[in-house]
Amino acid sequence: MNTDLRIVFFGTPDFAVPSLDILIKNNFNIVGVVTAPDKPAGRGLQITQSPVKAYAMEHELNIMQPEKLKDETFINMLQALNADLFVVVAFRMLPNAIWNMPKLGTFNLHGSLLPQYRGAAPINWAVINGEKETGITTFFLQQEIDTGRIIFKQKTEIGENETAGELHDRMMEMGANLVLKTVQSIITKNFNTMKQSTLITPDTILHAAPKLNKEVCKINWNKSMQELHDFIRGLSPYPGAWTNIKNKQGEQLSMKIFKTTMEPILDSVYNPEMLTDQKTYLKVRVKGGMLHILELQVSGKKRMGTAEFLRGFHFKDAWKIDSK
């Protein structure tokens, strides 16, 4: 075991688990794991542990779940661990009193090629914006979020039909390996940091990655076919791009769309409307062509493929896209 280096790991969701796992498997001394408090989830509001906590419990690690990061008791507990390095993967913003604590610093794994896509949802926004490549970055924390000195970066291509979920899973494993490389390099002092400002020129357009909410995820059917395709896959599977459909009787349903394909049509005339043979296809006429819906979910139902959906849902009542 690398007992000379004492590490505290900060993380909560699935994305963070492989990074913690790779440090454990490489015999690093994880003296503490900080994760989110347990919270009610699901229809039954059962108390649920974070994926990082579940992993830490399996490996009998020291777990801390502070409600408030500035809580004096929690800060004293951290100080008592006498850690040399803090590693942060998918966690809340840390106060100065915490990230300044370890002598070797605190570094974070971020799901973009910084300085691009600073913020809470970098993977989603890179796909939504139709980027052809993205990547991961490790950097030392400083006061302003996602702005610290870069340690390492690694690029990856984004497939033209790849969803944010698929990209997330690939980057999760890439990230674990970069976390390991970063820790090993900090130990040997074999690295050079770079200021993010050196990567920003007067012509640089910086894209942000703000937190996603329901209103942001609503589909604007007036956008082009390519933009809609990218938007839908950029929010798939979570939180999901959604729209409303309504019929002549005034009934309205919310529909999430998870997967689409594009059928380009040169005709510039468009009108956002759904077309179906009621058996195999469901598509929407949009700018630039037809957007075929392959996987969807209406409120109160499970996610399913289009053919399965059409077997149980009939458009005889003239259901239409609510494009407002």
C-alpha atoms as a PDB file:
ATOM      1  CA  MET A   1       0.000   0.000   0.000  1.00  0.00           C
ATOM      2  CA  ASN A   2       1.106   3.561  -0.756  1.00  0.00           C
ATOM      3  CA  THR A   3       0.882   4.371   2.946  1.00  0.00           C
ATOM      4  CA  ASP A   4       3.074   7.455   2.729  1.00  0.00           C
ATOM      5  CA  LEU A   5       0.403   9.355   0.797  1.00  0.00           C
ATOM      6  CA  ARG A   6      -2.845   9.976   2.645  1.00  0.00           C
ATOM      7  CA  ILE A   7      -5.789  10.735   0.330  1.00  0.00           C
ATOM      8  CA  VAL A   8      -9.321  11.955   0.981  1.00  0.00           C
ATOM      9  CA  PHE A   9     -11.720  11.277  -1.907  1.00  0.00           C
ATOM     10  CA  PHE A  10     -14.747  13.500  -2.600  1.00  0.00           C
ATOM     11  CA  GLY A  11     -17.490  12.178  -4.893  1.00  0.00           C
ATOM     12  CA  THR A  12     -21.136  11.166  -5.106  1.00  0.00           C
ATOM     13  CA  PRO A  13     -22.564   9.711  -8.384  1.00  0.00           C
ATOM     14  CA  ASP A  14     -21.695   6.709 -10.564  1.00  0.00           C
ATOM     15  CA  PHE A  15     -19.208   8.827 -12.509  1.00  0.00           C
ATOM     16  CA  ALA A  16     -16.951   9.018  -9.437  1.00  0.00           C
ATOM     17  CA  VAL A  17     -16.916   5.318  -8.512  1.00  0.00           C
ATOM     18  CA  PRO A  18     -14.321   4.070 -11.064  1.00  0.00           C
ATOM     19  CA  SER A  19     -11.916   6.815  -9.953  1.00  0.00           C
ATOM     20  CA  LEU A  20     -12.173   5.717  -6.329  1.00  0.00           C
ATOM     21  CA  ASP A  21     -11.960   2.070  -7.382  1.00  0.00           C
ATOM     22  CA  ILE A  22      -8.765   2.538  -9.394  1.00  0.00           C
ATOM     23  CA  LEU A  23      -7.052   4.220  -6.428  1.00  0.00           C
ATOM     24  CA  ILE A  24      -8.069   1.350  -4.134  1.00  0.00           C
ATOM     25  CA  LYS A  25      -6.905  -1.269  -6.645  1.00  0.00           C
ATOM     26  CA  ASN A  26      -3.551   0.504  -6.921  1.00  0.00           C
ATOM     27  CA  ASN A  27      -3.152   0.314  -3.143  1.00  0.00           C
ATOM     28  CA  PHE A  28      -3.445   3.998  -2.316  1.00  0.00           C
ATOM     29  CA  ASN A  29      -4.248   4.876   1.260  1.00  0.00           C
ATOM     30  CA  ILE A  30      -7.750   6.373   1.172  1.00  0.00           C
ATOM     31  CA  VAL A  31      -8.134   7.727   4.695  1.00  0.00           C
ATOM     32  CA  GLY A  32     -11.571   9.237   4.094  1.00  0.00           C
ATOM     33  CA  VAL A  33     -14.418   9.375   1.582  1.00  0.00           C
ATOM     34  CA  VAL A  34     -16.702  12.408   1.530  1.00  0.00           C
ATOM     35  CA  THR A  35     -20.051  11.988  -0.216  1.00  0.00           C
ATOM     36  CA  ALA A  36     -23.574  13.405  -0.202  1.00  0.00           C
ATOM     37  CA  PRO A  37     -25.958  12.627   2.675  1.00  0.00           C
ATOM     38  CA  ASP A  38     -28.489   9.845   2.167  1.00  0.00           C
ATOM     39  CA  LYS A  39     -31.752  11.147   0.737  1.00  0.00           C
ATOM     40  CA  PRO A  40     -35.228   9.889  -0.196  1.00  0.00           C
ATOM     41  CA  ALA A  41     -35.628   8.862  -3.834  1.00  0.00           C
ATOM     42  CA  GLY A  42     -38.123   7.170  -6.104  1.00  0.00           C
ATOM     43  CA  ARG A  43     -41.872   6.895  -5.792  1.00  0.00           C
ATOM     44  CA  GLY A  44     -41.626   5.298  -2.361  1.00  0.00           C
ATOM     45  CA  LEU A  45     -39.187   7.988  -1.182  1.00  0.00           C
ATOM     46  CA  GLN A  46     -36.958   5.315   0.284  1.00  0.00           C
ATOM     47  CA  ILE A  47     -33.717   6.541   1.804  1.00  0.00           C
ATOM     48  CA  THR A  48     -31.005   6.014  -0.817  1.00  0.00           C
ATOM     49  CA  GLN A  49     -27.224   5.990  -0.525  1.00  0.00           C
ATOM     50  CA  SER A  50     -24.975   7.548  -3.135  1.00  0.00           C
ATOM     51  CA  PRO A  51     -23.073   5.129  -5.423  1.00  0.00           C
ATOM     52  CA  VAL A  52     -19.811   6.333  -3.878  1.00  0.00           C
ATOM     53  CA  LYS A  53     -21.075   5.570  -0.369  1.00  0.00           C
ATOM     54  CA  ALA A  54     -22.202   2.094  -1.429  1.00  0.00           C
ATOM     55  CA  TYR A  55     -18.733   1.393  -2.853  1.00  0.00           C
ATOM     56  CA  ALA A  56     -16.984   2.836   0.209  1.00  0.00           C
ATOM     57  CA  MET A  57     -19.068   0.678   2.547  1.00  0.00           C
ATOM     58  CA  GLU A  58     -18.177  -2.471   0.586  1.00  0.00           C
ATOM     59  CA  HIS A  59     -14.509  -1.629   1.073  1.00  0.00           C
ATOM     60  CA  GLU A  60     -14.881  -0.561   4.719  1.00  0.00           C
ATOM     61  CA  LEU A  61     -13.633   2.953   4.085  1.00  0.00           C
ATOM     62  CA  ASN A  62     -14.049   5.884   6.448  1.00  0.00           C
ATOM     63  CA  ILE A  63     -17.183   7.717   5.224  1.00  0.00           C
ATOM     64  CA  MET A  64     -18.236  11.307   5.919  1.00  0.00           C
ATOM     65  CA  GLN A  65     -21.563  12.800   4.790  1.00  0.00           C
ATOM     66  CA  PRO A  66     -21.719  16.442   5.849  1.00  0.00           C
ATOM     67  CA  GLU A  67     -24.932  18.399   5.344  1.00  0.00           C
ATOM     68  CA  LYS A  68     -22.890  21.610   5.232  1.00  0.00           C
ATOM     69  CA  LEU A  69     -19.296  21.687   4.043  1.00  0.00           C
ATOM     70  CA  LYS A  70     -18.480  24.680   6.239  1.00  0.00           C
ATOM     71  CA  ASP A  71     -19.633  22.864   9.375  1.00  0.00           C
ATOM     72  CA  GLU A  72     -16.902  23.224  11.999  1.00  0.00           C
ATOM     73  CA  THR A  73     -17.205  19.619  13.178  1.00  0.00           C
ATOM     74  CA  PHE A  74     -16.731  18.317   9.637  1.00  0.00           C
ATOM     75  CA  ILE A  75     -13.736  20.574   8.993  1.00  0.00           C
ATOM     76  CA  ASN A  76     -12.146  19.388  12.235  1.00  0.00           C
ATOM     77  CA  MET A  77     -12.706  15.767  11.174  1.00  0.00           C
ATOM     78  CA  LEU A  78     -10.969  16.447   7.868  1.00  0.00           C
ATOM     79  CA  GLN A  79      -8.025  18.124   9.564  1.00  0.00           C
ATOM     80  CA  ALA A  80      -7.654  15.198  11.943  1.00  0.00           C
ATOM     81  CA  LEU A  81      -7.144  12.858   8.973  1.00  0.00           C
ATOM     82  CA  ASN A  82      -3.894  14.712   8.184  1.00  0.00           C
ATOM     83  CA  ALA A  83      -4.321  14.061   4.447  1.00  0.00           C
ATOM     84  CA  ASP A  84      -1.663  14.970   1.901  1.00  0.00           C
ATOM     85  CA  LEU A  85      -4.004  15.191  -1.112  1.00  0.00           C
ATOM     86  CA  PHE A  86      -7.709  15.659  -1.801  1.00  0.00           C
ATOM     87  CA  VAL A  87      -9.187  14.119  -4.971  1.00  0.00           C
ATOM     88  CA  VAL A  88     -12.546  15.474  -6.186  1.00  0.00           C
ATOM     89  CA  VAL A  89     -14.743  13.770  -8.796  1.00  0.00           C
ATOM     90  CA  ALA A  90     -18.342  14.929  -9.358  1.00  0.00           C
ATOM     91  CA  PHE A  91     -18.901  16.680  -6.046  1.00  0.00           C
ATOM     92  CA  ARG A  92     -20.119  20.028  -4.768  1.00  0.00           C
ATOM     93  CA  MET A  93     -18.046  23.183  -4.869  1.00  0.00           C
ATOM     94  CA  LEU A  94     -15.619  23.119  -1.941  1.00  0.00           C
ATOM     95  CA  PRO A  95     -15.020  26.131   0.318  1.00  0.00           C
ATOM     96  CA  ASN A  96     -11.515  27.579   0.505  1.00  0.00           C
ATOM     97  CA  ALA A  97     -10.981  26.220   4.001  1.00  0.00           C
ATOM     98  CA  ILE A  98     -11.223  22.693   2.603  1.00  0.00           C
ATOM     99  CA  TRP A  99      -9.413  22.756  -0.718  1.00  0.00           C
ATOM    100  CA  ASN A 100      -6.529  24.701   0.832  1.00  0.00           C
ATOM    101  CA  MET A 101      -6.081  22.100   3.565  1.00  0.00           C
ATOM    102  CA  PRO A 102      -3.787  19.366   2.128  1.00  0.00           C
ATOM    103  CA  LYS A 103      -0.134  20.175   1.539  1.00  0.00           C
ATOM    104  CA  LEU A 104      -0.118  18.678  -1.986  1.00  0.00           C
ATOM    105  CA  GLY A 105      -3.337  20.461  -2.918  1.00  0.00           C
ATOM    106  CA  THR A 106      -6.783  19.446  -4.138  1.00  0.00           C
ATOM    107  CA  PHE A 107      -7.424  18.410  -7.705  1.00  0.00           C
ATOM    108  CA  ASN A 108     -10.662  17.845  -9.578  1.00  0.00           C
ATOM    109  CA  LEU A 109     -11.601  15.667 -12.553  1.00  0.00           C
ATOM    110  CA  HIS A 110     -13.838  17.603 -14.961  1.00  0.00           C
ATOM    111  CA  GLY A 111     -15.764  16.162 -17.909  1.00  0.00           C
ATOM    112  CA  SER A 112     -14.596  18.599 -20.583  1.00  0.00           C
ATOM    113  CA  LEU A 113     -11.499  20.090 -22.153  1.00  0.00           C
ATOM    114  CA  LEU A 114     -11.167  23.124 -19.925  1.00  0.00           C
ATOM    115  CA  PRO A 115     -11.561  26.063 -20.236  1.00  0.00           C
ATOM    116  CA  GLN A 116     -14.492  24.927 -22.392  1.00  0.00           C
ATOM    117  CA  TYR A 117     -17.725  23.791 -20.723  1.00  0.00           C
ATOM    118  CA  ARG A 118     -17.150  24.968 -17.199  1.00  0.00           C
ATOM    119  CA  GLY A 119     -20.143  24.096 -15.064  1.00  0.00           C
ATOM    120  CA  ALA A 120     -22.341  21.297 -13.785  1.00  0.00           C
ATOM    121  CA  ALA A 121     -23.282  19.489 -17.029  1.00  0.00           C
ATOM    122  CA  PRO A 122     -20.290  19.521 -19.417  1.00  0.00           C
ATOM    123  CA  ILE A 123     -20.992  16.162 -21.074  1.00  0.00           C
ATOM    124  CA  ASN A 124     -24.591  17.047 -21.889  1.00  0.00           C
ATOM    125  CA  TRP A 125     -23.804  20.475 -23.298  1.00  0.00           C
ATOM    126  CA  ALA A 126     -20.973  19.248 -25.517  1.00  0.00           C
ATOM    127  CA  VAL A 127     -23.387  16.816 -27.195  1.00  0.00           C
ATOM    128  CA  ILE A 128     -26.248  19.344 -27.328  1.00  0.00           C
ATOM    129  CA  ASN A 129     -23.961  21.823 -29.104  1.00  0.00           C
ATOM    130  CA  GLY A 130     -22.967  19.237 -31.693  1.00  0.00           C
ATOM    131  CA  GLU A 131     -19.295  19.088 -30.731  1.00  0.00           C
ATOM    132  CA  LYS A 132     -17.203  16.507 -32.582  1.00  0.00           C
ATOM    133  CA  GLU A 133     -14.802  16.022 -29.682  1.00  0.00           C
ATOM    134  CA  THR A 134     -14.580  16.617 -25.966  1.00  0.00           C
ATOM    135  CA  GLY A 135     -12.444  15.213 -23.183  1.00  0.00           C
ATOM    136  CA  ILE A 136     -11.484  15.217 -19.543  1.00  0.00           C
ATOM    137  CA  THR A 137      -9.266  17.477 -17.484  1.00  0.00           C
ATOM    138  CA  THR A 138      -7.617  17.290 -14.100  1.00  0.00           C
ATOM    139  CA  PHE A 139      -6.845  20.619 -12.472  1.00  0.00           C
ATOM    140  CA  PHE A 140      -5.994  22.101  -9.091  1.00  0.00           C
ATOM    141  CA  LEU A 141      -8.885  23.840  -7.395  1.00  0.00           C
ATOM    142  CA  GLN A 142      -8.905  27.567  -6.858  1.00  0.00           C
ATOM    143  CA  GLN A 143     -11.583  30.000  -5.751  1.00  0.00           C
ATOM    144  CA  GLU A 144     -13.588  30.389  -8.972  1.00  0.00           C
ATOM    145  CA  ILE A 145     -15.232  27.170 -10.105  1.00  0.00           C
ATOM    146  CA  ASP A 146     -13.474  25.131 -12.839  1.00  0.00           C
ATOM    147  CA  THR A 147     -10.778  27.762 -13.386  1.00  0.00           C
ATOM    148  CA  GLY A 148      -7.690  26.276 -11.689  1.00  0.00           C
ATOM    149  CA  ARG A 149      -4.369  25.342 -13.242  1.00  0.00           C
ATOM    150  CA  ILE A 150      -4.626  22.366 -15.604  1.00  0.00           C
ATOM    151  CA  ILE A 151      -2.601  19.259 -14.793  1.00  0.00           C
ATOM    152  CA  PHE A 152      -3.600  16.857 -17.601  1.00  0.00           C
ATOM    153  CA  LYS A 153      -6.114  16.733 -20.460  1.00  0.00           C
ATOM    154  CA  GLN A 154      -7.263  13.844 -22.647  1.00  0.00           C
ATOM    155  CA  LYS A 155      -9.405  14.124 -25.775  1.00  0.00           C
ATOM    156  CA  THR A 156     -12.087  11.805 -27.150  1.00  0.00           C
ATOM    157  CA  GLU A 157     -14.301  11.946 -30.219  1.00  0.00           C
ATOM    158  CA  ILE A 158     -18.086  12.190 -29.958  1.00  0.00           C
ATOM    159  CA  GLY A 159     -20.001   9.872 -32.291  1.00  0.00           C
ATOM    160  CA  GLU A 160     -22.605  11.522 -34.515  1.00  0.00           C
ATOM    161  CA  ASN A 161     -25.373   9.476 -32.883  1.00  0.00           C
ATOM    162  CA  GLU A 162     -23.761   9.004 -29.469  1.00  0.00           C
ATOM    163  CA  THR A 163     -25.917   9.952 -26.502  1.00  0.00           C
ATOM    164  CA  ALA A 164     -24.732  11.848 -23.457  1.00  0.00           C
ATOM    165  CA  GLY A 165     -25.244   8.649 -21.445  1.00  0.00           C
ATOM    166  CA  GLU A 166     -23.005   6.620 -23.732  1.00  0.00           C
ATOM    167  CA  LEU A 167     -20.360   9.334 -23.714  1.00  0.00           C
ATOM    168  CA  HIS A 168     -20.653   9.597 -19.910  1.00  0.00           C
ATOM    169  CA  ASP A 169     -19.872   5.908 -19.501  1.00  0.00           C
ATOM    170  CA  ARG A 170     -16.812   6.107 -21.758  1.00  0.00           C
ATOM    171  CA  MET A 171     -15.520   9.235 -20.054  1.00  0.00           C
ATOM    172  CA  MET A 172     -16.117   7.706 -16.628  1.00  0.00           C
ATOM    173  CA  GLU A 173     -13.513   5.015 -17.375  1.00  0.00           C
ATOM    174  CA  MET A 174     -11.170   7.480 -19.104  1.00  0.00           C
ATOM    175  CA  GLY A 175     -11.470   9.722 -16.069  1.00  0.00           C
ATOM    176  CA  ALA A 176     -10.462   6.981 -13.659  1.00  0.00           C
ATOM    177  CA  ASN A 177      -7.257   6.385 -15.576  1.00  0.00           C
ATOM    178  CA  LEU A 178      -6.501  10.095 -15.682  1.00  0.00           C
ATOM    179  CA  VAL A 179      -7.082  10.378 -11.930  1.00  0.00           C
ATOM    180  CA  LEU A 180      -4.578   7.568 -11.371  1.00  0.00           C
ATOM    181  CA  LYS A 181      -2.048   9.208 -13.687  1.00  0.00           C
ATOM    182  CA  THR A 182      -2.527  12.532 -11.909  1.00  0.00           C
ATOM    183  CA  VAL A 183      -2.012  11.073  -8.426  1.00  0.00           C
ATOM    184  CA  GLN A 184       1.087   9.163  -9.551  1.00  0.00           C
ATOM    185  CA  SER A 185       2.504  12.296 -11.186  1.00  0.00           C
ATOM    186  CA  ILE A 186       1.882  14.405  -8.078  1.00  0.00           C
ATOM    187  CA  ILE A 187       3.762  11.846  -5.999  1.00  0.00           C
ATOM    188  CA  THR A 188       6.773  11.902  -8.345  1.00  0.00           C
ATOM    189  CA  LYS A 189       6.403  15.634  -9.055  1.00  0.00           C
ATOM    190  CA  ASN A 190       6.447  14.725 -12.740  1.00  0.00           C
ATOM    191  CA  PHE A 191       3.998  17.281 -14.110  1.00  0.00           C
ATOM    192  CA  ASN A 192       3.710  20.872 -15.228  1.00  0.00           C
ATOM    193  CA  THR A 193       0.551  22.897 -14.738  1.00  0.00           C
ATOM    194  CA  MET A 194      -0.927  25.339 -17.221  1.00  0.00           C
ATOM    195  CA  LYS A 195      -3.016  28.439 -16.608  1.00  0.00           C
ATOM    196  CA  GLN A 196      -6.374  28.217 -18.347  1.00  0.00           C
ATOM    197  CA  SER A 197      -6.008  31.844 -19.406  1.00  0.00           C
ATOM    198  CA  THR A 198      -3.210  30.829 -21.786  1.00  0.00           C
ATOM    199  CA  LEU A 199      -5.767  28.824 -23.778  1.00  0.00           C
ATOM    200  CA  ILE A 200      -8.135  31.770 -24.178  1.00  0.00           C
ATOM    201  CA  THR A 201      -7.476  34.150 -27.069  1.00  0.00           C
ATOM    202  CA  PRO A 202      -9.500  37.218 -28.106  1.00  0.00           C
ATOM    203  CA  ASP A 203     -11.228  34.982 -30.710  1.00  0.00           C
ATOM    204  CA  THR A 204     -12.059  32.171 -28.278  1.00  0.00           C
ATOM    205  CA  ILE A 205     -15.755  31.515 -27.753  1.00  0.00           C
ATOM    206  CA  LEU A 206     -16.194  29.911 -24.358  1.00  0.00           C
ATOM    207  CA  HIS A 207     -19.137  27.547 -24.025  1.00  0.00           C
ATOM    208  CA  ALA A 208     -20.700  27.172 -20.577  1.00  0.00           C
ATOM    209  CA  ALA A 209     -22.259  24.046 -19.079  1.00  0.00           C
ATOM    210  CA  PRO A 210     -24.922  25.251 -16.642  1.00  0.00           C
ATOM    211  CA  LYS A 211     -27.087  22.953 -14.564  1.00  0.00           C
ATOM    212  CA  LEU A 212     -29.994  21.399 -16.435  1.00  0.00           C
ATOM    213  CA  ASN A 213     -33.578  21.986 -15.391  1.00  0.00           C
ATOM    214  CA  LYS A 214     -36.974  21.027 -16.804  1.00  0.00           C
ATOM    215  CA  GLU A 215     -37.448  24.200 -18.817  1.00  0.00           C
ATOM    216  CA  VAL A 216     -34.017  23.885 -20.445  1.00  0.00           C
ATOM    217  CA  CYS A 217     -34.925  20.331 -21.511  1.00  0.00           C
ATOM    218  CA  LYS A 218     -38.097  21.286 -23.385  1.00  0.00           C
ATOM    219  CA  ILE A 219     -37.800  20.663 -27.131  1.00  0.00           C
ATOM    220  CA  ASN A 220     -38.038  23.691 -29.424  1.00  0.00           C
ATOM    221  CA  TRP A 221     -39.400  22.195 -32.640  1.00  0.00           C
ATOM    222  CA  ASN A 222     -38.509  25.327 -34.615  1.00  0.00           C
ATOM    223  CA  LYS A 223     -34.835  24.370 -34.581  1.00  0.00           C
ATOM    224  CA  SER A 224     -33.167  22.478 -37.430  1.00  0.00           C
ATOM    225  CA  MET A 225     -33.206  18.693 -37.696  1.00  0.00           C
ATOM    226  CA  GLN A 226     -29.511  18.469 -36.739  1.00  0.00           C
ATOM    227  CA  GLU A 227     -29.960  20.755 -33.736  1.00  0.00           C
ATOM    228  CA  LEU A 228     -32.948  18.719 -32.545  1.00  0.00           C
ATOM    229  CA  HIS A 229     -31.088  15.431 -32.991  1.00  0.00           C
ATOM    230  CA  ASP A 230     -28.141  16.770 -30.980  1.00  0.00           C
ATOM    231  CA  PHE A 231     -30.423  18.239 -28.307  1.00  0.00           C
ATOM    232  CA  ILE A 232     -32.279  14.972 -27.772  1.00  0.00           C
ATOM    233  CA  ARG A 233     -29.173  12.771 -27.613  1.00  0.00           C
ATOM    234  CA  GLY A 234     -27.473  15.366 -25.409  1.00  0.00           C
ATOM    235  CA  LEU A 235     -30.176  14.879 -22.782  1.00  0.00           C
ATOM    236  CA  SER A 236     -30.469  11.104 -23.113  1.00  0.00           C
ATOM    237  CA  PRO A 237     -31.059   9.184 -20.941  1.00  0.00           C
ATOM    238  CA  TYR A 238     -31.151  11.784 -18.184  1.00  0.00           C
ATOM    239  CA  PRO A 239     -32.807  14.178 -17.612  1.00  0.00           C
ATOM    240  CA  GLY A 240     -34.457  13.596 -20.992  1.00  0.00           C
ATOM    241  CA  ALA A 241     -35.665  15.986 -23.705  1.00  0.00           C
ATOM    242  CA  TRP A 242     -39.422  16.422 -23.547  1.00  0.00           C
ATOM    243  CA  THR A 243     -42.369  17.835 -25.403  1.00  0.00           C
ATOM    244  CA  ASN A 244     -46.129  17.904 -25.030  1.00  0.00           C
ATOM    245  CA  ILE A 245     -48.589  16.242 -27.373  1.00  0.00           C
ATOM    246  CA  LYS A 246     -52.276  17.089 -27.442  1.00  0.00           C
ATOM    247  CA  ASN A 247     -55.448  15.979 -29.216  1.00  0.00           C
ATOM    248  CA  LYS A 248     -58.657  17.599 -30.423  1.00  0.00           C
ATOM    249  CA  GLN A 249     -60.405  16.782 -27.156  1.00  0.00           C
ATOM    250  CA  GLY A 250     -57.938  18.986 -25.304  1.00  0.00           C
ATOM    251  CA  GLU A 251     -56.091  16.126 -23.634  1.00  0.00           C
ATOM    252  CA  GLN A 252     -52.355  16.658 -23.182  1.00  0.00           C
ATOM    253  CA  LEU A 253     -49.502  14.264 -22.482  1.00  0.00           C
ATOM    254  CA  SER A 254     -45.841  14.834 -21.755  1.00  0.00           C
ATOM    255  CA  MET A 255     -43.470  12.798 -23.900  1.00  0.00           C
ATOM    256  CA  LYS A 256     -39.736  12.259 -23.390  1.00  0.00           C
ATOM    257  CA  ILE A 257     -37.674  11.363 -26.443  1.00  0.00           C
ATOM    258  CA  PHE A 258     -34.396   9.495 -25.982  1.00  0.00           C
ATOM    259  CA  LYS A 259     -33.217   8.392 -29.405  1.00  0.00           C
ATOM    260  CA  THR A 260     -33.701   9.694 -32.956  1.00  0.00           C
ATOM    261  CA  THR A 261     -32.345   9.334 -36.460  1.00  0.00           C
ATOM    262  CA  MET A 262     -32.377  11.902 -39.240  1.00  0.00           C
ATOM    263  CA  GLU A 263     -33.889  11.732 -42.721  1.00  0.00           C
ATOM    264  CA  PRO A 264     -32.690  14.801 -44.642  1.00  0.00           C
ATOM    265  CA  ILE A 265     -35.102  16.377 -47.115  1.00  0.00           C
ATOM    266  CA  LEU A 266     -34.132  19.307 -49.331  1.00  0.00           C
ATOM    267  CA  ASP A 267     -37.598  20.844 -49.216  1.00  0.00           C
ATOM    268  CA  SER A 268     -37.267  23.937 -47.029  1.00  0.00           C
ATOM    269  CA  VAL A 269     -40.980  23.972 -46.209  1.00  0.00           C
ATOM    270  CA  TYR A 270     -41.705  22.521 -42.804  1.00  0.00           C
ATOM    271  CA  ASN A 271     -44.362  22.296 -40.169  1.00  0.00           C
ATOM    272  CA  PRO A 272     -43.664  20.499 -36.885  1.00  0.00           C
ATOM    273  CA  GLU A 273     -46.102  17.603 -37.156  1.00  0.00           C
ATOM    274  CA  MET A 274     -46.026  13.918 -36.275  1.00  0.00           C
ATOM    275  CA  LEU A 275     -46.413  11.276 -38.959  1.00  0.00           C
ATOM    276  CA  THR A 276     -46.909   7.553 -38.320  1.00  0.00           C
ATOM    277  CA  ASP A 277     -48.064   4.342 -39.968  1.00  0.00           C
ATOM    278  CA  GLN A 278     -49.309   3.275 -36.509  1.00  0.00           C
ATOM    279  CA  LYS A 279     -47.059   0.207 -36.705  1.00  0.00           C
ATOM    280  CA  THR A 280     -43.363   0.824 -37.277  1.00  0.00           C
ATOM    281  CA  TYR A 281     -42.474   4.504 -37.436  1.00  0.00           C
ATOM    282  CA  LEU A 282     -43.156   7.793 -35.719  1.00  0.00           C
ATOM    283  CA  LYS A 283     -41.484  10.858 -37.124  1.00  0.00           C
ATOM    284  CA  VAL A 284     -41.700  14.626 -36.968  1.00  0.00           C
ATOM    285  CA  ARG A 285     -41.428  16.957 -39.942  1.00  0.00           C
ATOM    286  CA  VAL A 286     -38.886  19.658 -39.007  1.00  0.00           C
ATOM    287  CA  LYS A 287     -36.523  22.092 -40.724  1.00  0.00           C
ATOM    288  CA  GLY A 288     -34.284  20.061 -43.006  1.00  0.00           C
ATOM    289  CA  GLY A 289     -36.146  16.789 -42.998  1.00  0.00           C
ATOM    290  CA  MET A 290     -37.817  14.123 -40.890  1.00  0.00           C
ATOM    291  CA  LEU A 291     -36.695  13.328 -37.354  1.00  0.00           C
ATOM    292  CA  HIS A 292     -37.487   9.676 -36.668  1.00  0.00           C
ATOM    293  CA  ILE A 293     -38.273   8.893 -33.030  1.00  0.00           C
ATOM    294  CA  LEU A 294     -36.792   5.531 -32.025  1.00  0.00           C
ATOM    295  CA  GLU A 295     -37.176   5.494 -28.222  1.00  0.00           C
ATOM    296  CA  LEU A 296     -39.625   7.462 -26.092  1.00  0.00           C
ATOM    297  CA  GLN A 297     -41.661   7.560 -22.911  1.00  0.00           C
ATOM    298  CA  VAL A 298     -45.038   9.152 -22.277  1.00  0.00           C
ATOM    299  CA  SER A 299     -46.035  10.244 -18.790  1.00  0.00           C
ATOM    300  CA  GLY A 300     -47.067   7.316 -16.621  1.00  0.00           C
ATOM    301  CA  LYS A 301     -45.479   4.705 -18.920  1.00  0.00           C
ATOM    302  CA  LYS A 302     -42.078   3.038 -19.217  1.00  0.00           C
ATOM    303  CA  ARG A 303     -39.429   3.903 -21.778  1.00  0.00           C
ATOM    304  CA  MET A 304     -39.906   1.854 -24.941  1.00  0.00           C
ATOM    305  CA  GLY A 305     -39.106   1.549 -28.623  1.00  0.00           C
ATOM    306  CA  THR A 306     -41.434   3.123 -31.155  1.00  0.00           C
ATOM    307  CA  ALA A 307     -42.973  -0.141 -32.430  1.00  0.00           C
ATOM    308  CA  GLU A 308     -43.843  -1.248 -28.906  1.00  0.00           C
ATOM    309  CA  PHE A 309     -45.244   2.187 -28.104  1.00  0.00           C
ATOM    310  CA  LEU A 310     -47.455   2.220 -31.213  1.00  0.00           C
ATOM    311  CA  ARG A 311     -48.977  -1.139 -30.311  1.00  0.00           C
ATOM    312  CA  GLY A 312     -50.544   0.450 -27.265  1.00  0.00           C
ATOM    313  CA  PHE A 313     -51.050   4.057 -28.280  1.00  0.00           C
ATOM    314  CA  HIS A 314     -53.296   5.110 -31.132  1.00  0.00           C
ATOM    315  CA  PHE A 315     -53.145   8.414 -32.980  1.00  0.00           C
ATOM    316  CA  LYS A 316     -56.716   8.122 -34.256  1.00  0.00           C
ATOM    317  CA  ASP A 317     -57.637  11.030 -31.978  1.00  0.00           C
ATOM    318  CA  ALA A 318     -55.260  13.221 -33.966  1.00  0.00           C
ATOM    319  CA  TRP A 319     -52.541  13.702 -31.395  1.00  0.00           C
ATOM    320  CA  LYS A 320     -50.234  16.524 -32.423  1.00  0.00           C
ATOM    321  CA  ILE A 321     -46.998  18.071 -31.286  1.00  0.00           C
ATOM    322  CA  ASP A 322     -47.500  21.125 -29.112  1.00  0.00           C
ATOM    323  CA  SER A 323     -44.778  23.278 -30.642  1.00  0.00           C
ATOM    324  CA  LYS A 324     -45.339  26.319 -28.442  1.00  0.00           C
END
